[in-house]
Amino acid sequence: MHTIALDDNTQNVYPPFSFTVNFDYSRFENPELQSKAKTTLNQFIGFIRRTFDGLLENGEALNSIYQDCLAHCPKGKKYSIIG
């Protein structure tokens, strides 16, 4: 559920991402290790989210260039960097 920007007036909308982990951290008897495991998982999920968001942003930027080439280049798709 996102929109692709064709101009600067279109706002991108992304659905919220919900991820639930049902891991029993009490398996780690050491509280310090429990905390480290939770922190590591949260950092990993954050990394994945930032990577995904970056891929979407790059795709939108490439699509914008492609659309500009189609709309404004005299030979259209022939000089497009994508096609």
PDB file of N, CA and C in Angstrom:
ATOM      1  N   MET A   1       0.823  -1.175   0.000  1.00  0.00           N
ATOM      2  CA  MET A   1       0.000   0.000   0.000  1.00  0.00           C
ATOM      3  C   MET A   1       0.873   1.247   0.000  1.00  0.00           C
ATOM      4  N   HIS A   2       1.641   1.457  -1.049  1.00  0.00           N
ATOM      5  CA  HIS A   2       2.414   2.682  -1.159  1.00  0.00           C
ATOM      6  C   HIS A   2       2.150   3.318  -2.509  1.00  0.00           C
ATOM      7  N   THR A   3       2.396   4.602  -2.599  1.00  0.00           N
ATOM      8  CA  THR A   3       2.218   5.298  -3.856  1.00  0.00           C
ATOM      9  C   THR A   3       3.582   5.606  -4.433  1.00  0.00           C
ATOM     10  N   ILE A   4       3.672   5.585  -5.735  1.00  0.00           N
ATOM     11  CA  ILE A   4       4.924   5.907  -6.411  1.00  0.00           C
ATOM     12  C   ILE A   4       4.856   7.367  -6.831  1.00  0.00           C
ATOM     13  N   ALA A   5       5.856   8.121  -6.447  1.00  0.00           N
ATOM     14  CA  ALA A   5       5.873   9.549  -6.734  1.00  0.00           C
ATOM     15  C   ALA A   5       6.207   9.799  -8.194  1.00  0.00           C
ATOM     16  N   LEU A   6       5.311  10.484  -8.884  1.00  0.00           N
ATOM     17  CA  LEU A   6       5.585  10.896 -10.251  1.00  0.00           C
ATOM     18  C   LEU A   6       6.017  12.350 -10.286  1.00  0.00           C
ATOM     19  N   ASP A   7       5.776  13.052  -9.209  1.00  0.00           N
ATOM     20  CA  ASP A   7       6.256  14.417  -9.072  1.00  0.00           C
ATOM     21  C   ASP A   7       6.496  14.688  -7.589  1.00  0.00           C
ATOM     22  N   ASP A   8       6.967  15.874  -7.282  1.00  0.00           N
ATOM     23  CA  ASP A   8       7.310  16.193  -5.898  1.00  0.00           C
ATOM     24  C   ASP A   8       6.086  16.391  -5.001  1.00  0.00           C
ATOM     25  N   ASN A   9       4.890  16.465  -5.581  1.00  0.00           N
ATOM     26  CA  ASN A   9       3.688  16.702  -4.789  1.00  0.00           C
ATOM     27  C   ASN A   9       3.048  15.422  -4.280  1.00  0.00           C
ATOM     28  N   THR A  10       3.485  14.272  -4.755  1.00  0.00           N
ATOM     29  CA  THR A  10       2.918  13.004  -4.323  1.00  0.00           C
ATOM     30  C   THR A  10       3.655  12.533  -3.082  1.00  0.00           C
ATOM     31  N   GLN A  11       2.897  12.232  -2.031  1.00  0.00           N
ATOM     32  CA  GLN A  11       3.515  11.757  -0.793  1.00  0.00           C
ATOM     33  C   GLN A  11       3.506  10.239  -0.771  1.00  0.00           C
ATOM     34  N   ASN A  12       4.609   9.658  -0.349  1.00  0.00           N
ATOM     35  CA  ASN A  12       4.709   8.206  -0.247  1.00  0.00           C
ATOM     36  C   ASN A  12       4.098   7.746   1.066  1.00  0.00           C
ATOM     37  N   VAL A  13       3.296   6.696   0.987  1.00  0.00           N
ATOM     38  CA  VAL A  13       2.642   6.164   2.173  1.00  0.00           C
ATOM     39  C   VAL A  13       2.990   4.693   2.287  1.00  0.00           C
ATOM     40  N   TYR A  14       3.536   4.301   3.420  1.00  0.00           N
ATOM     41  CA  TYR A  14       3.901   2.909   3.646  1.00  0.00           C
ATOM     42  C   TYR A  14       3.096   2.373   4.826  1.00  0.00           C
ATOM     43  N   PRO A  15       2.617   1.157   4.717  1.00  0.00           N
ATOM     44  CA  PRO A  15       1.874   0.582   5.842  1.00  0.00           C
ATOM     45  C   PRO A  15       2.812   0.294   7.004  1.00  0.00           C
ATOM     46  N   PRO A  16       2.306   0.333   8.225  1.00  0.00           N
ATOM     47  CA  PRO A  16       3.160  -0.008   9.367  1.00  0.00           C
ATOM     48  C   PRO A  16       3.554  -1.477   9.312  1.00  0.00           C
ATOM     49  N   PHE A  17       4.721  -1.745   9.798  1.00  0.00           N
ATOM     50  CA  PHE A  17       5.239  -3.113   9.789  1.00  0.00           C
ATOM     51  C   PHE A  17       5.209  -3.636  11.212  1.00  0.00           C
ATOM     52  N   SER A  18       4.496  -4.715  11.411  1.00  0.00           N
ATOM     53  CA  SER A  18       4.400  -5.310  12.741  1.00  0.00           C
ATOM     54  C   SER A  18       5.095  -6.663  12.729  1.00  0.00           C
ATOM     55  N   PHE A  19       5.993  -6.848  13.662  1.00  0.00           N
ATOM     56  CA  PHE A  19       6.757  -8.089  13.746  1.00  0.00           C
ATOM     57  C   PHE A  19       6.751  -8.536  15.196  1.00  0.00           C
ATOM     58  N   THR A  20       6.211  -9.707  15.448  1.00  0.00           N
ATOM     59  CA  THR A  20       6.119 -10.219  16.813  1.00  0.00           C
ATOM     60  C   THR A  20       7.036 -11.418  16.980  1.00  0.00           C
ATOM     61  N   VAL A  21       7.806 -11.407  18.051  1.00  0.00           N
ATOM     62  CA  VAL A  21       8.703 -12.517  18.353  1.00  0.00           C
ATOM     63  C   VAL A  21       8.206 -13.187  19.621  1.00  0.00           C
ATOM     64  N   ASN A  22       8.024 -14.471  19.550  1.00  0.00           N
ATOM     65  CA  ASN A  22       7.560 -15.227  20.715  1.00  0.00           C
ATOM     66  C   ASN A  22       8.690 -16.088  21.275  1.00  0.00           C
ATOM     67  N   PHE A  23       9.827 -15.478  21.468  1.00  0.00           N
ATOM     68  CA  PHE A  23      10.968 -16.212  21.995  1.00  0.00           C
ATOM     69  C   PHE A  23      11.021 -16.029  23.507  1.00  0.00           C
ATOM     70  N   ASP A  24      11.257 -17.090  24.207  1.00  0.00           N
ATOM     71  CA  ASP A  24      11.350 -17.050  25.666  1.00  0.00           C
ATOM     72  C   ASP A  24      12.796 -16.738  26.059  1.00  0.00           C
ATOM     73  N   TYR A  25      13.047 -15.474  26.356  1.00  0.00           N
ATOM     74  CA  TYR A  25      14.407 -15.055  26.694  1.00  0.00           C
ATOM     75  C   TYR A  25      14.865 -15.593  28.045  1.00  0.00           C
ATOM     76  N   SER A  26      13.953 -16.134  28.826  1.00  0.00           N
ATOM     77  CA  SER A  26      14.358 -16.713  30.109  1.00  0.00           C
ATOM     78  C   SER A  26      15.169 -17.994  29.914  1.00  0.00           C
ATOM     79  N   ARG A  27      15.230 -18.473  28.674  1.00  0.00           N
ATOM     80  CA  ARG A  27      16.108 -19.622  28.381  1.00  0.00           C
ATOM     81  C   ARG A  27      17.561 -19.274  28.695  1.00  0.00           C
ATOM     82  N   PHE A  28      17.863 -17.984  28.544  1.00  0.00           N
ATOM     83  CA  PHE A  28      19.191 -17.525  28.934  1.00  0.00           C
ATOM     84  C   PHE A  28      19.146 -17.257  30.435  1.00  0.00           C
ATOM     85  N   GLU A  29      19.871 -18.012  31.185  1.00  0.00           N
ATOM     86  CA  GLU A  29      19.825 -17.868  32.642  1.00  0.00           C
ATOM     87  C   GLU A  29      20.472 -16.575  33.114  1.00  0.00           C
ATOM     88  N   ASN A  30      21.392 -16.067  32.355  1.00  0.00           N
ATOM     89  CA  ASN A  30      22.095 -14.841  32.702  1.00  0.00           C
ATOM     90  C   ASN A  30      21.281 -13.636  32.197  1.00  0.00           C
ATOM     91  N   PRO A  31      20.836 -12.735  33.091  1.00  0.00           N
ATOM     92  CA  PRO A  31      20.049 -11.567  32.671  1.00  0.00           C
ATOM     93  C   PRO A  31      20.790 -10.669  31.681  1.00  0.00           C
ATOM     94  N   GLU A  32      22.104 -10.608  31.818  1.00  0.00           N
ATOM     95  CA  GLU A  32      22.896  -9.801  30.897  1.00  0.00           C
ATOM     96  C   GLU A  32      22.805 -10.371  29.481  1.00  0.00           C
ATOM     97  N   LEU A  33      22.847 -11.693  29.376  1.00  0.00           N
ATOM     98  CA  LEU A  33      22.740 -12.358  28.083  1.00  0.00           C
ATOM     99  C   LEU A  33      21.333 -12.195  27.503  1.00  0.00           C
ATOM    100  N   GLN A  34      20.315 -12.212  28.358  1.00  0.00           N
ATOM    101  CA  GLN A  34      18.939 -11.968  27.907  1.00  0.00           C
ATOM    102  C   GLN A  34      18.838 -10.585  27.264  1.00  0.00           C
ATOM    103  N   SER A  35      19.375  -9.606  27.954  1.00  0.00           N
ATOM    104  CA  SER A  35      19.335  -8.236  27.454  1.00  0.00           C
ATOM    105  C   SER A  35      20.095  -8.103  26.136  1.00  0.00           C
ATOM    106  N   LYS A  36      21.256  -8.734  26.071  1.00  0.00           N
ATOM    107  CA  LYS A  36      22.069  -8.676  24.856  1.00  0.00           C
ATOM    108  C   LYS A  36      21.333  -9.324  23.680  1.00  0.00           C
ATOM    109  N   ALA A  37      20.648 -10.444  23.928  1.00  0.00           N
ATOM    110  CA  ALA A  37      19.901 -11.131  22.871  1.00  0.00           C
ATOM    111  C   ALA A  37      18.749 -10.262  22.371  1.00  0.00           C
ATOM    112  N   LYS A  38      18.021  -9.624  23.285  1.00  0.00           N
ATOM    113  CA  LYS A  38      16.912  -8.745  22.901  1.00  0.00           C
ATOM    114  C   LYS A  38      17.417  -7.558  22.087  1.00  0.00           C
ATOM    115  N   THR A  39      18.495  -6.955  22.564  1.00  0.00           N
ATOM    116  CA  THR A  39      19.061  -5.800  21.873  1.00  0.00           C
ATOM    117  C   THR A  39      19.537  -6.172  20.477  1.00  0.00           C
ATOM    118  N   THR A  40      20.201  -7.312  20.367  1.00  0.00           N
ATOM    119  CA  THR A  40      20.708  -7.762  19.072  1.00  0.00           C
ATOM    120  C   THR A  40      19.568  -8.000  18.093  1.00  0.00           C
ATOM    121  N   LEU A  41      18.494  -8.638  18.549  1.00  0.00           N
ATOM    122  CA  LEU A  41      17.344  -8.876  17.675  1.00  0.00           C
ATOM    123  C   LEU A  41      16.721  -7.558  17.231  1.00  0.00           C
ATOM    124  N   ASN A  42      16.546  -6.625  18.156  1.00  0.00           N
ATOM    125  CA  ASN A  42      15.964  -5.328  17.800  1.00  0.00           C
ATOM    126  C   ASN A  42      16.836  -4.573  16.805  1.00  0.00           C
ATOM    127  N   GLN A  43      18.147  -4.642  16.983  1.00  0.00           N
ATOM    128  CA  GLN A  43      19.048  -3.983  16.041  1.00  0.00           C
ATOM    129  C   GLN A  43      18.970  -4.634  14.664  1.00  0.00           C
ATOM    130  N   PHE A  44      18.866  -5.950  14.634  1.00  0.00           N
ATOM    131  CA  PHE A  44      18.766  -6.663  13.363  1.00  0.00           C
ATOM    132  C   PHE A  44      17.467  -6.303  12.638  1.00  0.00           C
ATOM    133  N   ILE A  45      16.360  -6.276  13.371  1.00  0.00           N
ATOM    134  CA  ILE A  45      15.074  -5.916  12.756  1.00  0.00           C
ATOM    135  C   ILE A  45      15.126  -4.478  12.233  1.00  0.00           C
ATOM    136  N   GLY A  46      15.746  -3.584  12.982  1.00  0.00           N
ATOM    137  CA  GLY A  46      15.919  -2.205  12.522  1.00  0.00           C
ATOM    138  C   GLY A  46      16.754  -2.130  11.258  1.00  0.00           C
ATOM    139  N   PHE A  47      17.812  -2.923  11.197  1.00  0.00           N
ATOM    140  CA  PHE A  47      18.662  -2.971  10.008  1.00  0.00           C
ATOM    141  C   PHE A  47      17.863  -3.437   8.793  1.00  0.00           C
ATOM    142  N   ILE A  48      17.065  -4.482   8.968  1.00  0.00           N
ATOM    143  CA  ILE A  48      16.253  -5.002   7.866  1.00  0.00           C
ATOM    144  C   ILE A  48      15.264  -3.942   7.398  1.00  0.00           C
ATOM    145  N   ARG A  49      14.632  -3.263   8.331  1.00  0.00           N
ATOM    146  CA  ARG A  49      13.648  -2.233   7.972  1.00  0.00           C
ATOM    147  C   ARG A  49      14.302  -1.091   7.202  1.00  0.00           C
ATOM    148  N   ARG A  50      15.465  -0.627   7.683  1.00  0.00           N
ATOM    149  CA  ARG A  50      16.163   0.463   6.992  1.00  0.00           C
ATOM    150  C   ARG A  50      16.600   0.027   5.599  1.00  0.00           C
ATOM    151  N   THR A  51      17.046  -1.225   5.472  1.00  0.00           N
ATOM    152  CA  THR A  51      17.458  -1.742   4.171  1.00  0.00           C
ATOM    153  C   THR A  51      16.266  -1.779   3.224  1.00  0.00           C
ATOM    154  N   PHE A  52      15.130  -2.276   3.685  1.00  0.00           N
ATOM    155  CA  PHE A  52      13.927  -2.349   2.868  1.00  0.00           C
ATOM    156  C   PHE A  52      13.470  -0.953   2.455  1.00  0.00           C
ATOM    157  N   ASP A  53      13.442  -0.028   3.403  1.00  0.00           N
ATOM    158  CA  ASP A  53      13.046   1.346   3.089  1.00  0.00           C
ATOM    159  C   ASP A  53      13.989   1.965   2.063  1.00  0.00           C
ATOM    160  N   GLY A  54      15.284   1.699   2.208  1.00  0.00           N
ATOM    161  CA  GLY A  54      16.258   2.212   1.247  1.00  0.00           C
ATOM    162  C   GLY A  54      16.041   1.650  -0.143  1.00  0.00           C
ATOM    163  N   LEU A  55      15.722   0.374  -0.227  1.00  0.00           N
ATOM    164  CA  LEU A  55      15.436  -0.234  -1.530  1.00  0.00           C
ATOM    165  C   LEU A  55      14.209   0.407  -2.169  1.00  0.00           C
ATOM    166  N   LEU A  56      13.178   0.662  -1.377  1.00  0.00           N
ATOM    167  CA  LEU A  56      11.986   1.327  -1.910  1.00  0.00           C
ATOM    168  C   LEU A  56      12.316   2.731  -2.406  1.00  0.00           C
ATOM    169  N   GLU A  57      13.085   3.473  -1.627  1.00  0.00           N
ATOM    170  CA  GLU A  57      13.457   4.831  -2.028  1.00  0.00           C
ATOM    171  C   GLU A  57      14.282   4.820  -3.308  1.00  0.00           C
ATOM    172  N   ASN A  58      15.233   3.898  -3.409  1.00  0.00           N
ATOM    173  CA  ASN A  58      16.046   3.809  -4.622  1.00  0.00           C
ATOM    174  C   ASN A  58      15.197   3.431  -5.827  1.00  0.00           C
ATOM    175  N   GLY A  59      14.278   2.496  -5.643  1.00  0.00           N
ATOM    176  CA  GLY A  59      13.388   2.102  -6.734  1.00  0.00           C
ATOM    177  C   GLY A  59      12.524   3.255  -7.200  1.00  0.00           C
ATOM    178  N   GLU A  60      12.027   4.036  -6.249  1.00  0.00           N
ATOM    179  CA  GLU A  60      11.208   5.189  -6.604  1.00  0.00           C
ATOM    180  C   GLU A  60      12.036   6.243  -7.345  1.00  0.00           C
ATOM    181  N   ALA A  61      13.261   6.456  -6.918  1.00  0.00           N
ATOM    182  CA  ALA A  61      14.127   7.422  -7.593  1.00  0.00           C
ATOM    183  C   ALA A  61      14.427   6.970  -9.018  1.00  0.00           C
ATOM    184  N   LEU A  62      14.723   5.686  -9.188  1.00  0.00           N
ATOM    185  CA  LEU A  62      14.977   5.166 -10.536  1.00  0.00           C
ATOM    186  C   LEU A  62      13.732   5.267 -11.409  1.00  0.00           C
ATOM    187  N   ASN A  63      12.574   4.976 -10.837  1.00  0.00           N
ATOM    188  CA  ASN A  63      11.334   5.086 -11.603  1.00  0.00           C
ATOM    189  C   ASN A  63      11.073   6.534 -12.001  1.00  0.00           C
ATOM    190  N   SER A  64      11.383   7.461 -11.116  1.00  0.00           N
ATOM    191  CA  SER A  64      11.202   8.876 -11.419  1.00  0.00           C
ATOM    192  C   SER A  64      12.087   9.304 -12.591  1.00  0.00           C
ATOM    193  N   ILE A  65      13.344   8.868 -12.579  1.00  0.00           N
ATOM    194  CA  ILE A  65      14.249   9.178 -13.692  1.00  0.00           C
ATOM    195  C   ILE A  65      13.720   8.562 -14.981  1.00  0.00           C
ATOM    196  N   TYR A  66      13.268   7.328 -14.905  1.00  0.00           N
ATOM    197  CA  TYR A  66      12.725   6.629 -16.066  1.00  0.00           C
ATOM    198  C   TYR A  66      11.520   7.385 -16.631  1.00  0.00           C
ATOM    199  N   GLN A  67      10.598   7.791 -15.754  1.00  0.00           N
ATOM    200  CA  GLN A  67       9.413   8.522 -16.204  1.00  0.00           C
ATOM    201  C   GLN A  67       9.800   9.869 -16.816  1.00  0.00           C
ATOM    202  N   ASP A  68      10.781  10.551 -16.227  1.00  0.00           N
ATOM    203  CA  ASP A  68      11.257  11.817 -16.789  1.00  0.00           C
ATOM    204  C   ASP A  68      11.855  11.612 -18.173  1.00  0.00           C
ATOM    205  N   CYS A  69      12.619  10.540 -18.333  1.00  0.00           N
ATOM    206  CA  CYS A  69      13.201  10.245 -19.649  1.00  0.00           C
ATOM    207  C   CYS A  69      12.108   9.988 -20.678  1.00  0.00           C
ATOM    208  N   LEU A  70      11.105   9.230 -20.298  1.00  0.00           N
ATOM    209  CA  LEU A  70      10.004   8.949 -21.224  1.00  0.00           C
ATOM    210  C   LEU A  70       9.246  10.219 -21.588  1.00  0.00           C
ATOM    211  N   ALA A  71       9.051  11.087 -20.603  1.00  0.00           N
ATOM    212  CA  ALA A  71       8.244  12.282 -20.825  1.00  0.00           C
ATOM    213  C   ALA A  71       9.005  13.411 -21.513  1.00  0.00           C
ATOM    214  N   HIS A  72      10.303  13.522 -21.261  1.00  0.00           N
ATOM    215  CA  HIS A  72      11.016  14.722 -21.698  1.00  0.00           C
ATOM    216  C   HIS A  72      12.138  14.494 -22.703  1.00  0.00           C
ATOM    217  N   CYS A  73      12.599  13.290 -22.874  1.00  0.00           N
ATOM    218  CA  CYS A  73      13.671  13.044 -23.835  1.00  0.00           C
ATOM    219  C   CYS A  73      13.072  12.948 -25.233  1.00  0.00           C
ATOM    220  N   PRO A  74      13.713  13.557 -26.219  1.00  0.00           N
ATOM    221  CA  PRO A  74      13.159  13.549 -27.572  1.00  0.00           C
ATOM    222  C   PRO A  74      12.948  12.141 -28.131  1.00  0.00           C
ATOM    223  N   LYS A  75      13.794  11.219 -27.770  1.00  0.00           N
ATOM    224  CA  LYS A  75      13.648   9.862 -28.290  1.00  0.00           C
ATOM    225  C   LYS A  75      13.093   8.910 -27.239  1.00  0.00           C
ATOM    226  N   GLY A  76      12.532   9.463 -26.171  1.00  0.00           N
ATOM    227  CA  GLY A  76      11.848   8.664 -25.164  1.00  0.00           C
ATOM    228  C   GLY A  76      12.698   7.594 -24.534  1.00  0.00           C
ATOM    229  N   LYS A  77      12.230   6.374 -24.641  1.00  0.00           N
ATOM    230  CA  LYS A  77      12.855   5.244 -23.962  1.00  0.00           C
ATOM    231  C   LYS A  77      14.250   4.926 -24.501  1.00  0.00           C
ATOM    232  N   LYS A  78      14.546   5.310 -25.730  1.00  0.00           N
ATOM    233  CA  LYS A  78      15.836   4.972 -26.339  1.00  0.00           C
ATOM    234  C   LYS A  78      17.009   5.487 -25.509  1.00  0.00           C
ATOM    235  N   TYR A  79      16.872   6.651 -24.897  1.00  0.00           N
ATOM    236  CA  TYR A  79      17.972   7.225 -24.124  1.00  0.00           C
ATOM    237  C   TYR A  79      17.788   7.056 -22.623  1.00  0.00           C
ATOM    238  N   SER A  80      16.825   6.288 -22.251  1.00  0.00           N
ATOM    239  CA  SER A  80      16.590   6.042 -20.837  1.00  0.00           C
ATOM    240  C   SER A  80      17.736   5.219 -20.255  1.00  0.00           C
ATOM    241  N   ILE A  81      18.115   5.492 -19.004  1.00  0.00           N
ATOM    242  CA  ILE A  81      19.191   4.720 -18.378  1.00  0.00           C
ATOM    243  C   ILE A  81      18.708   3.353 -17.940  1.00  0.00           C
ATOM    244  N   ILE A  82      17.401   3.161 -17.826  1.00  0.00           N
ATOM    245  CA  ILE A  82      16.859   1.889 -17.359  1.00  0.00           C
ATOM    246  C   ILE A  82      16.504   0.986 -18.521  1.00  0.00           C
ATOM    247  N   GLY A  83      15.858   1.498 -19.513  1.00  0.00           N
ATOM    248  CA  GLY A  83      15.340   0.666 -20.593  1.00  0.00           C
ATOM    249  C   GLY A  83      16.290   0.553 -21.713  1.00  0.00           C
TER     250      GLY A  83
END
